[in-house]
Amino acid sequence: MTTPTTISMPVVHYEAPPVNPSTSGLYLVSQIHESAAGAPNRILGGIDVWPINYDTGWGTWPSDPCSTPDPGLLKAGVRSQPEDAFTPLEVWGWDECDPTEPVETIKTRALQNLRLHEQGLVEAHFATRLLADAGTPVSVPDLVAAIGELEVAIGETGTTGIIHLSMRYSSALDAAGIIPSSSSPIPRTRLGNALAFGGGYDAVLGSTLVATGPTTVWRSETFVQDTVDVDANIRAALAERTVVAGYESLIAAVKVGTP
């Protein structure tokens, strides 16, 4: 009896399509400044942010023109000065393959690595500056109390602000009714303060939440190059750019949980 011949079907090759990076976090709530194509990279030395919205020149005065003002009451204030310059970060994406692979394919994959991971890398770098400026945060018992404490501090500035926090708190705040339904892509509290759920924040901020004024991100043009390692028989591509993230004022920081 003849044994039937087994025919193996060929494996189907499927190229996964590139996906978009996360739409939450620092980039969503920030003003983004992109360098023009071919322009010099002017942010390599960092950025000084000169504030205008957080001066101390405001107050009240007796309305009775004949009253004697309190001797300690003065119409005066201090113009806010820039903090230390916000330092630049060089972010990059890499890919490599056999030199017979089309160079544009290798460059595209390097760019996709940069595109997907840039914001998280910038957020982790930015969070280190947030903690340095915040000093020792106030400890609060739970997440809702943390939002309340920060919103009081933001309210005292006369503006709305941005609360920077780990993605781990998104579901809890939603369940607590802190984030009302809205057509805006930016999640906000009921008082209108933006919530920046950064994927790169958790490893640095942990259970600390930080409120700031407006944030800005400056980005240089993306530079892409490739090279061949003859000895290793590999072609590699590198995509990189300079990024600086900064804010006008750090308002307050709190830590969820007892000290």
C-alpha atoms as a PDB file:
ATOM      1  CA  MET A   1       0.000   0.000   0.000  1.00  0.00           C
ATOM      2  CA  THR A   2       1.374   3.378  -1.002  1.00  0.00           C
ATOM      3  CA  THR A   3       1.845   5.878   1.839  1.00  0.00           C
ATOM      4  CA  PRO A   4       0.091   9.202   1.083  1.00  0.00           C
ATOM      5  CA  THR A   5       2.426  12.108   0.496  1.00  0.00           C
ATOM      6  CA  THR A   6       2.161  14.859   3.120  1.00  0.00           C
ATOM      7  CA  ILE A   7       2.163  18.340   1.647  1.00  0.00           C
ATOM      8  CA  SER A   8       3.276  21.204   3.933  1.00  0.00           C
ATOM      9  CA  MET A   9       1.662  24.541   3.317  1.00  0.00           C
ATOM     10  CA  PRO A  10       4.092  27.471   3.216  1.00  0.00           C
ATOM     11  CA  VAL A  11       4.094  29.903   6.143  1.00  0.00           C
ATOM     12  CA  VAL A  12       2.435  33.185   5.285  1.00  0.00           C
ATOM     13  CA  HIS A  13       4.680  36.212   5.785  1.00  0.00           C
ATOM     14  CA  TYR A  14       2.746  39.136   7.316  1.00  0.00           C
ATOM     15  CA  GLU A  15       4.285  42.558   7.862  1.00  0.00           C
ATOM     16  CA  ALA A  16       2.778  44.155  10.970  1.00  0.00           C
ATOM     17  CA  PRO A  17       1.711  47.730  10.195  1.00  0.00           C
ATOM     18  CA  PRO A  18       3.335  50.570  12.169  1.00  0.00           C
ATOM     19  CA  VAL A  19       1.170  51.742  15.058  1.00  0.00           C
ATOM     20  CA  ASN A  20       0.889  55.247  16.455  1.00  0.00           C
ATOM     21  CA  PRO A  21       2.525  56.211  19.754  1.00  0.00           C
ATOM     22  CA  SER A  22       0.503  56.814  22.903  1.00  0.00           C
ATOM     23  CA  THR A  23      -1.739  59.864  22.737  1.00  0.00           C
ATOM     24  CA  SER A  24      -1.645  60.540  26.485  1.00  0.00           C
ATOM     25  CA  GLY A  25       0.980  62.141  28.670  1.00  0.00           C
ATOM     26  CA  LEU A  26       3.330  65.079  28.395  1.00  0.00           C
ATOM     27  CA  TYR A  27       3.099  65.655  24.655  1.00  0.00           C
ATOM     28  CA  LEU A  28      -0.698  65.769  24.707  1.00  0.00           C
ATOM     29  CA  VAL A  29      -0.855  68.610  27.253  1.00  0.00           C
ATOM     30  CA  SER A  30       2.165  70.585  26.011  1.00  0.00           C
ATOM     31  CA  GLN A  31       2.752  73.191  23.374  1.00  0.00           C
ATOM     32  CA  ILE A  32       5.129  71.577  20.870  1.00  0.00           C
ATOM     33  CA  HIS A  33       7.776  73.650  19.070  1.00  0.00           C
ATOM     34  CA  GLU A  34       9.252  71.842  16.067  1.00  0.00           C
ATOM     35  CA  SER A  35      12.470  73.081  14.473  1.00  0.00           C
ATOM     36  CA  ALA A  36      12.130  73.939  10.802  1.00  0.00           C
ATOM     37  CA  ALA A  37      13.606  71.498   8.313  1.00  0.00           C
ATOM     38  CA  GLY A  38      17.279  72.278   7.757  1.00  0.00           C
ATOM     39  CA  ALA A  39      17.425  74.781  10.633  1.00  0.00           C
ATOM     40  CA  PRO A  40      20.386  74.717  13.053  1.00  0.00           C
ATOM     41  CA  ASN A  41      19.829  72.779  16.269  1.00  0.00           C
ATOM     42  CA  ARG A  42      19.545  75.737  18.653  1.00  0.00           C
ATOM     43  CA  ILE A  43      18.352  73.820  21.741  1.00  0.00           C
ATOM     44  CA  LEU A  44      21.520  71.839  22.440  1.00  0.00           C
ATOM     45  CA  GLY A  45      22.383  74.212  25.289  1.00  0.00           C
ATOM     46  CA  GLY A  46      18.980  73.875  26.960  1.00  0.00           C
ATOM     47  CA  ILE A  47      16.077  76.306  27.426  1.00  0.00           C
ATOM     48  CA  ASP A  48      15.482  79.132  29.909  1.00  0.00           C
ATOM     49  CA  VAL A  49      11.754  79.672  30.490  1.00  0.00           C
ATOM     50  CA  TRP A  50      10.936  83.255  31.487  1.00  0.00           C
ATOM     51  CA  PRO A  51       7.647  83.231  33.470  1.00  0.00           C
ATOM     52  CA  ILE A  52       4.932  85.870  33.353  1.00  0.00           C
ATOM     53  CA  ASN A  53       1.958  84.225  35.068  1.00  0.00           C
ATOM     54  CA  TYR A  54       3.381  83.498  38.535  1.00  0.00           C
ATOM     55  CA  ASP A  55       4.585  86.854  39.902  1.00  0.00           C
ATOM     56  CA  THR A  56       3.732  87.917  43.466  1.00  0.00           C
ATOM     57  CA  GLY A  57       2.576  91.471  42.598  1.00  0.00           C
ATOM     58  CA  TRP A  58      -1.106  91.288  43.594  1.00  0.00           C
ATOM     59  CA  GLY A  59      -3.283  91.726  46.698  1.00  0.00           C
ATOM     60  CA  THR A  60      -5.950  93.886  48.344  1.00  0.00           C
ATOM     61  CA  TRP A  61      -6.142  97.380  49.819  1.00  0.00           C
ATOM     62  CA  PRO A  62      -8.627  99.101  52.158  1.00  0.00           C
ATOM     63  CA  SER A  63     -11.447 100.659  50.140  1.00  0.00           C
ATOM     64  CA  ASP A  64     -11.973 103.501  52.648  1.00  0.00           C
ATOM     65  CA  PRO A  65      -9.727 106.363  51.425  1.00  0.00           C
ATOM     66  CA  CYS A  66      -9.547 107.826  54.950  1.00  0.00           C
ATOM     67  CA  SER A  67      -8.520 104.615  56.708  1.00  0.00           C
ATOM     68  CA  THR A  68      -5.011 104.115  57.971  1.00  0.00           C
ATOM     69  CA  PRO A  69      -3.466 101.150  56.190  1.00  0.00           C
ATOM     70  CA  ASP A  70      -1.753  98.431  58.161  1.00  0.00           C
ATOM     71  CA  PRO A  71       1.942  99.433  58.411  1.00  0.00           C
ATOM     72  CA  GLY A  72       2.910  96.046  57.054  1.00  0.00           C
ATOM     73  CA  LEU A  73       0.603  96.359  54.054  1.00  0.00           C
ATOM     74  CA  LEU A  74       2.460  97.317  50.911  1.00  0.00           C
ATOM     75  CA  LYS A  75       1.607  97.447  47.229  1.00  0.00           C
ATOM     76  CA  ALA A  76       4.600  95.519  45.956  1.00  0.00           C
ATOM     77  CA  GLY A  77       5.645  92.286  44.369  1.00  0.00           C
ATOM     78  CA  VAL A  78       8.502  90.309  42.897  1.00  0.00           C
ATOM     79  CA  ARG A  79       8.796  89.532  39.217  1.00  0.00           C
ATOM     80  CA  SER A  80       9.327  85.808  38.678  1.00  0.00           C
ATOM     81  CA  GLN A  81      12.746  84.820  37.406  1.00  0.00           C
ATOM     82  CA  PRO A  82      13.640  81.792  35.302  1.00  0.00           C
ATOM     83  CA  GLU A  83      14.630  78.628  37.116  1.00  0.00           C
ATOM     84  CA  ASP A  84      17.711  76.659  36.101  1.00  0.00           C
ATOM     85  CA  ALA A  85      17.760  75.975  32.382  1.00  0.00           C
ATOM     86  CA  PHE A  86      15.905  72.873  31.249  1.00  0.00           C
ATOM     87  CA  THR A  87      18.481  70.455  29.903  1.00  0.00           C
ATOM     88  CA  PRO A  88      18.293  68.785  26.486  1.00  0.00           C
ATOM     89  CA  LEU A  89      17.911  65.072  25.918  1.00  0.00           C
ATOM     90  CA  GLU A  90      19.098  63.188  22.841  1.00  0.00           C
ATOM     91  CA  VAL A  91      16.621  60.444  21.971  1.00  0.00           C
ATOM     92  CA  TRP A  92      17.293  57.796  19.333  1.00  0.00           C
ATOM     93  CA  GLY A  93      15.908  54.758  17.556  1.00  0.00           C
ATOM     94  CA  TRP A  94      17.972  51.965  15.981  1.00  0.00           C
ATOM     95  CA  ASP A  95      17.627  49.108  13.495  1.00  0.00           C
ATOM     96  CA  GLU A  96      20.069  46.775  11.767  1.00  0.00           C
ATOM     97  CA  CYS A  97      19.946  43.942   9.244  1.00  0.00           C
ATOM     98  CA  ASP A  98      21.833  42.215   6.438  1.00  0.00           C
ATOM     99  CA  PRO A  99      23.248  44.767   3.953  1.00  0.00           C
ATOM    100  CA  THR A 100      21.005  43.315   1.249  1.00  0.00           C
ATOM    101  CA  GLU A 101      17.957  44.657   3.105  1.00  0.00           C
ATOM    102  CA  PRO A 102      16.745  47.881   1.449  1.00  0.00           C
ATOM    103  CA  VAL A 103      18.234  50.826   3.314  1.00  0.00           C
ATOM    104  CA  GLU A 104      14.883  52.638   3.423  1.00  0.00           C
ATOM    105  CA  THR A 105      13.365  49.662   5.247  1.00  0.00           C
ATOM    106  CA  ILE A 106      16.071  49.826   7.914  1.00  0.00           C
ATOM    107  CA  LYS A 107      15.679  53.600   8.266  1.00  0.00           C
ATOM    108  CA  THR A 108      11.899  53.279   8.536  1.00  0.00           C
ATOM    109  CA  ARG A 109      12.199  50.791  11.375  1.00  0.00           C
ATOM    110  CA  ALA A 110      14.723  52.997  13.204  1.00  0.00           C
ATOM    111  CA  LEU A 111      12.352  55.936  12.876  1.00  0.00           C
ATOM    112  CA  GLN A 112       9.465  53.844  14.205  1.00  0.00           C
ATOM    113  CA  ASN A 113      11.510  52.884  17.275  1.00  0.00           C
ATOM    114  CA  LEU A 114      12.181  56.583  17.912  1.00  0.00           C
ATOM    115  CA  ARG A 115       8.575  57.553  17.227  1.00  0.00           C
ATOM    116  CA  LEU A 116       7.109  55.008  19.657  1.00  0.00           C
ATOM    117  CA  HIS A 117       9.523  55.534  22.546  1.00  0.00           C
ATOM    118  CA  GLU A 118      10.487  59.211  22.355  1.00  0.00           C
ATOM    119  CA  GLN A 119       7.767  60.527  24.641  1.00  0.00           C
ATOM    120  CA  GLY A 120       8.378  57.941  27.369  1.00  0.00           C
ATOM    121  CA  LEU A 121      12.103  58.681  27.389  1.00  0.00           C
ATOM    122  CA  VAL A 122      11.457  62.422  27.541  1.00  0.00           C
ATOM    123  CA  GLU A 123       8.897  61.977  30.343  1.00  0.00           C
ATOM    124  CA  ALA A 124      11.359  60.004  32.470  1.00  0.00           C
ATOM    125  CA  HIS A 125      14.008  62.713  31.973  1.00  0.00           C
ATOM    126  CA  PHE A 126      11.457  65.453  32.662  1.00  0.00           C
ATOM    127  CA  ALA A 127      10.169  63.693  35.800  1.00  0.00           C
ATOM    128  CA  THR A 128      13.646  63.808  37.319  1.00  0.00           C
ATOM    129  CA  ARG A 129      13.581  67.597  36.995  1.00  0.00           C
ATOM    130  CA  LEU A 130      10.049  67.710  38.436  1.00  0.00           C
ATOM    131  CA  LEU A 131      11.175  65.894  41.589  1.00  0.00           C
ATOM    132  CA  ALA A 132      14.311  68.009  41.938  1.00  0.00           C
ATOM    133  CA  ASP A 133      12.295  71.234  41.817  1.00  0.00           C
ATOM    134  CA  ALA A 134       9.488  69.902  44.025  1.00  0.00           C
ATOM    135  CA  GLY A 135      11.638  69.026  47.026  1.00  0.00           C
ATOM    136  CA  THR A 136       9.929  66.906  49.688  1.00  0.00           C
ATOM    137  CA  PRO A 137       6.312  66.339  48.630  1.00  0.00           C
ATOM    138  CA  VAL A 138       3.394  66.569  51.059  1.00  0.00           C
ATOM    139  CA  SER A 139       2.044  63.116  52.010  1.00  0.00           C
ATOM    140  CA  VAL A 140      -1.693  62.545  51.597  1.00  0.00           C
ATOM    141  CA  PRO A 141      -3.738  59.433  52.472  1.00  0.00           C
ATOM    142  CA  ASP A 142      -5.208  58.597  49.072  1.00  0.00           C
ATOM    143  CA  LEU A 143      -5.407  59.532  45.404  1.00  0.00           C
ATOM    144  CA  VAL A 144      -8.539  61.671  45.641  1.00  0.00           C
ATOM    145  CA  ALA A 145      -6.989  63.674  48.485  1.00  0.00           C
ATOM    146  CA  ALA A 146      -3.868  64.106  46.348  1.00  0.00           C
ATOM    147  CA  ILE A 147      -5.865  65.657  43.507  1.00  0.00           C
ATOM    148  CA  GLY A 148      -7.668  67.898  45.989  1.00  0.00           C
ATOM    149  CA  GLU A 149      -4.421  69.119  47.532  1.00  0.00           C
ATOM    150  CA  LEU A 150      -2.943  69.926  44.134  1.00  0.00           C
ATOM    151  CA  GLU A 151      -6.081  71.672  42.898  1.00  0.00           C
ATOM    152  CA  VAL A 152      -6.050  73.937  45.936  1.00  0.00           C
ATOM    153  CA  ALA A 153      -2.445  74.889  45.152  1.00  0.00           C
ATOM    154  CA  ILE A 154      -3.260  75.418  41.469  1.00  0.00           C
ATOM    155  CA  GLY A 155      -6.306  77.516  42.366  1.00  0.00           C
ATOM    156  CA  GLU A 156      -4.146  79.873  44.414  1.00  0.00           C
ATOM    157  CA  THR A 157      -2.236  80.796  41.248  1.00  0.00           C
ATOM    158  CA  GLY A 158      -5.385  82.072  39.533  1.00  0.00           C
ATOM    159  CA  THR A 159      -4.825  79.726  36.579  1.00  0.00           C
ATOM    160  CA  THR A 160      -5.484  76.148  35.618  1.00  0.00           C
ATOM    161  CA  GLY A 161      -2.530  73.797  35.651  1.00  0.00           C
ATOM    162  CA  ILE A 162      -1.200  70.397  34.671  1.00  0.00           C
ATOM    163  CA  ILE A 163      -0.973  67.425  37.021  1.00  0.00           C
ATOM    164  CA  HIS A 164       1.770  64.959  36.051  1.00  0.00           C
ATOM    165  CA  LEU A 165       1.233  61.396  37.264  1.00  0.00           C
ATOM    166  CA  SER A 166       1.706  57.726  36.472  1.00  0.00           C
ATOM    167  CA  MET A 167      -0.628  55.906  34.096  1.00  0.00           C
ATOM    168  CA  ARG A 168      -1.464  53.535  36.972  1.00  0.00           C
ATOM    169  CA  TYR A 169      -3.824  56.176  38.389  1.00  0.00           C
ATOM    170  CA  SER A 170      -5.983  56.676  35.302  1.00  0.00           C
ATOM    171  CA  SER A 171      -8.535  53.940  36.026  1.00  0.00           C
ATOM    172  CA  ALA A 172      -8.779  54.840  39.713  1.00  0.00           C
ATOM    173  CA  LEU A 173      -9.462  58.511  38.966  1.00  0.00           C
ATOM    174  CA  ASP A 174     -11.997  57.564  36.340  1.00  0.00           C
ATOM    175  CA  ALA A 175     -13.766  55.222  38.780  1.00  0.00           C
ATOM    176  CA  ALA A 176     -13.758  57.962  41.434  1.00  0.00           C
ATOM    177  CA  GLY A 177     -15.516  60.351  39.036  1.00  0.00           C
ATOM    178  CA  ILE A 178     -12.577  62.732  38.951  1.00  0.00           C
ATOM    179  CA  ILE A 179     -12.457  62.698  35.142  1.00  0.00           C
ATOM    180  CA  PRO A 180     -15.823  63.788  33.686  1.00  0.00           C
ATOM    181  CA  SER A 181     -16.914  62.842  30.176  1.00  0.00           C
ATOM    182  CA  SER A 182     -15.613  65.312  27.615  1.00  0.00           C
ATOM    183  CA  SER A 183     -15.040  65.639  23.894  1.00  0.00           C
ATOM    184  CA  SER A 184     -11.560  67.023  24.553  1.00  0.00           C
ATOM    185  CA  PRO A 185      -8.664  64.622  23.931  1.00  0.00           C
ATOM    186  CA  ILE A 186      -6.990  65.945  27.103  1.00  0.00           C
ATOM    187  CA  PRO A 187      -8.291  64.323  30.307  1.00  0.00           C
ATOM    188  CA  ARG A 188      -9.159  66.979  32.860  1.00  0.00           C
ATOM    189  CA  THR A 189     -10.554  67.219  36.354  1.00  0.00           C
ATOM    190  CA  ARG A 190     -13.940  68.857  36.885  1.00  0.00           C
ATOM    191  CA  LEU A 191     -12.120  72.108  37.606  1.00  0.00           C
ATOM    192  CA  GLY A 192     -10.378  72.003  34.230  1.00  0.00           C
ATOM    193  CA  ASN A 193      -6.877  71.027  35.296  1.00  0.00           C
ATOM    194  CA  ALA A 194      -5.140  68.783  32.741  1.00  0.00           C
ATOM    195  CA  LEU A 195      -4.019  65.285  33.725  1.00  0.00           C
ATOM    196  CA  ALA A 196      -0.798  64.143  32.035  1.00  0.00           C
ATOM    197  CA  PHE A 197      -0.720  60.360  32.401  1.00  0.00           C
ATOM    198  CA  GLY A 198       2.835  59.735  31.244  1.00  0.00           C
ATOM    199  CA  GLY A 199       4.071  56.270  30.337  1.00  0.00           C
ATOM    200  CA  GLY A 200       7.573  57.363  31.323  1.00  0.00           C
ATOM    201  CA  TYR A 201       6.516  58.860  34.671  1.00  0.00           C
ATOM    202  CA  ASP A 202       5.919  55.743  36.764  1.00  0.00           C
ATOM    203  CA  ALA A 203       9.538  54.597  37.111  1.00  0.00           C
ATOM    204  CA  VAL A 204      10.592  58.057  38.340  1.00  0.00           C
ATOM    205  CA  LEU A 205       7.564  59.659  39.987  1.00  0.00           C
ATOM    206  CA  GLY A 206       6.097  56.472  41.461  1.00  0.00           C
ATOM    207  CA  SER A 207       3.288  57.541  43.795  1.00  0.00           C
ATOM    208  CA  THR A 208       4.200  61.244  43.575  1.00  0.00           C
ATOM    209  CA  LEU A 209       1.940  63.640  41.669  1.00  0.00           C
ATOM    210  CA  VAL A 210       3.312  67.025  40.572  1.00  0.00           C
ATOM    211  CA  ALA A 211       1.392  70.116  39.468  1.00  0.00           C
ATOM    212  CA  THR A 212       2.984  72.626  37.113  1.00  0.00           C
ATOM    213  CA  GLY A 213       2.018  75.582  35.012  1.00  0.00           C
ATOM    214  CA  PRO A 214       1.962  75.318  31.204  1.00  0.00           C
ATOM    215  CA  THR A 215       4.528  72.942  29.698  1.00  0.00           C
ATOM    216  CA  THR A 216       6.370  73.292  26.402  1.00  0.00           C
ATOM    217  CA  VAL A 217       8.365  70.742  24.410  1.00  0.00           C
ATOM    218  CA  TRP A 218      11.010  71.851  21.896  1.00  0.00           C
ATOM    219  CA  ARG A 219      12.159  69.298  19.311  1.00  0.00           C
ATOM    220  CA  SER A 220      14.922  69.489  16.759  1.00  0.00           C
ATOM    221  CA  GLU A 221      14.642  68.047  13.289  1.00  0.00           C
ATOM    222  CA  THR A 222      15.073  64.261  13.219  1.00  0.00           C
ATOM    223  CA  PHE A 223      18.444  63.205  11.849  1.00  0.00           C
ATOM    224  CA  VAL A 224      18.659  59.782  10.155  1.00  0.00           C
ATOM    225  CA  GLN A 225      21.844  58.098   8.974  1.00  0.00           C
ATOM    226  CA  ASP A 226      22.969  54.594   8.045  1.00  0.00           C
ATOM    227  CA  THR A 227      26.271  52.788   7.900  1.00  0.00           C
ATOM    228  CA  VAL A 228      27.655  49.369   6.981  1.00  0.00           C
ATOM    229  CA  ASP A 229      29.878  47.270   9.234  1.00  0.00           C
ATOM    230  CA  VAL A 230      31.777  45.249   6.639  1.00  0.00           C
ATOM    231  CA  ASP A 231      33.365  42.882   9.171  1.00  0.00           C
ATOM    232  CA  ALA A 232      30.017  42.040  10.785  1.00  0.00           C
ATOM    233  CA  ASN A 233      28.131  42.140   7.465  1.00  0.00           C
ATOM    234  CA  ILE A 234      25.479  44.431   8.968  1.00  0.00           C
ATOM    235  CA  ARG A 235      23.830  47.639   7.818  1.00  0.00           C
ATOM    236  CA  ALA A 236      22.553  49.819  10.664  1.00  0.00           C
ATOM    237  CA  ALA A 237      20.364  52.924  10.766  1.00  0.00           C
ATOM    238  CA  LEU A 238      20.072  55.520  13.526  1.00  0.00           C
ATOM    239  CA  ALA A 239      17.304  58.103  13.910  1.00  0.00           C
ATOM    240  CA  GLU A 240      17.803  60.748  16.582  1.00  0.00           C
ATOM    241  CA  ARG A 241      16.703  64.204  17.670  1.00  0.00           C
ATOM    242  CA  THR A 242      17.202  66.665  20.527  1.00  0.00           C
ATOM    243  CA  VAL A 243      14.276  67.341  22.873  1.00  0.00           C
ATOM    244  CA  VAL A 244      13.861  69.833  25.722  1.00  0.00           C
ATOM    245  CA  ALA A 245      10.784  69.853  27.969  1.00  0.00           C
ATOM    246  CA  GLY A 246      10.124  72.730  30.355  1.00  0.00           C
ATOM    247  CA  TYR A 247       7.510  74.579  32.389  1.00  0.00           C
ATOM    248  CA  GLU A 248       6.825  78.068  33.566  1.00  0.00           C
ATOM    249  CA  SER A 249       6.372  77.181  37.235  1.00  0.00           C
ATOM    250  CA  LEU A 250       6.341  74.166  39.512  1.00  0.00           C
ATOM    251  CA  ILE A 251       3.311  74.638  41.737  1.00  0.00           C
ATOM    252  CA  ALA A 252       3.155  71.727  44.201  1.00  0.00           C
ATOM    253  CA  ALA A 253       3.838  68.033  44.694  1.00  0.00           C
ATOM    254  CA  VAL A 254       2.129  65.377  46.810  1.00  0.00           C
ATOM    255  CA  LYS A 255       2.845  61.744  47.592  1.00  0.00           C
ATOM    256  CA  VAL A 256       0.054  59.209  47.915  1.00  0.00           C
ATOM    257  CA  GLY A 257       0.359  57.207  51.145  1.00  0.00           C
ATOM    258  CA  THR A 258       1.698  57.865  54.617  1.00  0.00           C
ATOM    259  CA  PRO A 259       5.372  58.799  55.056  1.00  0.00           C
END
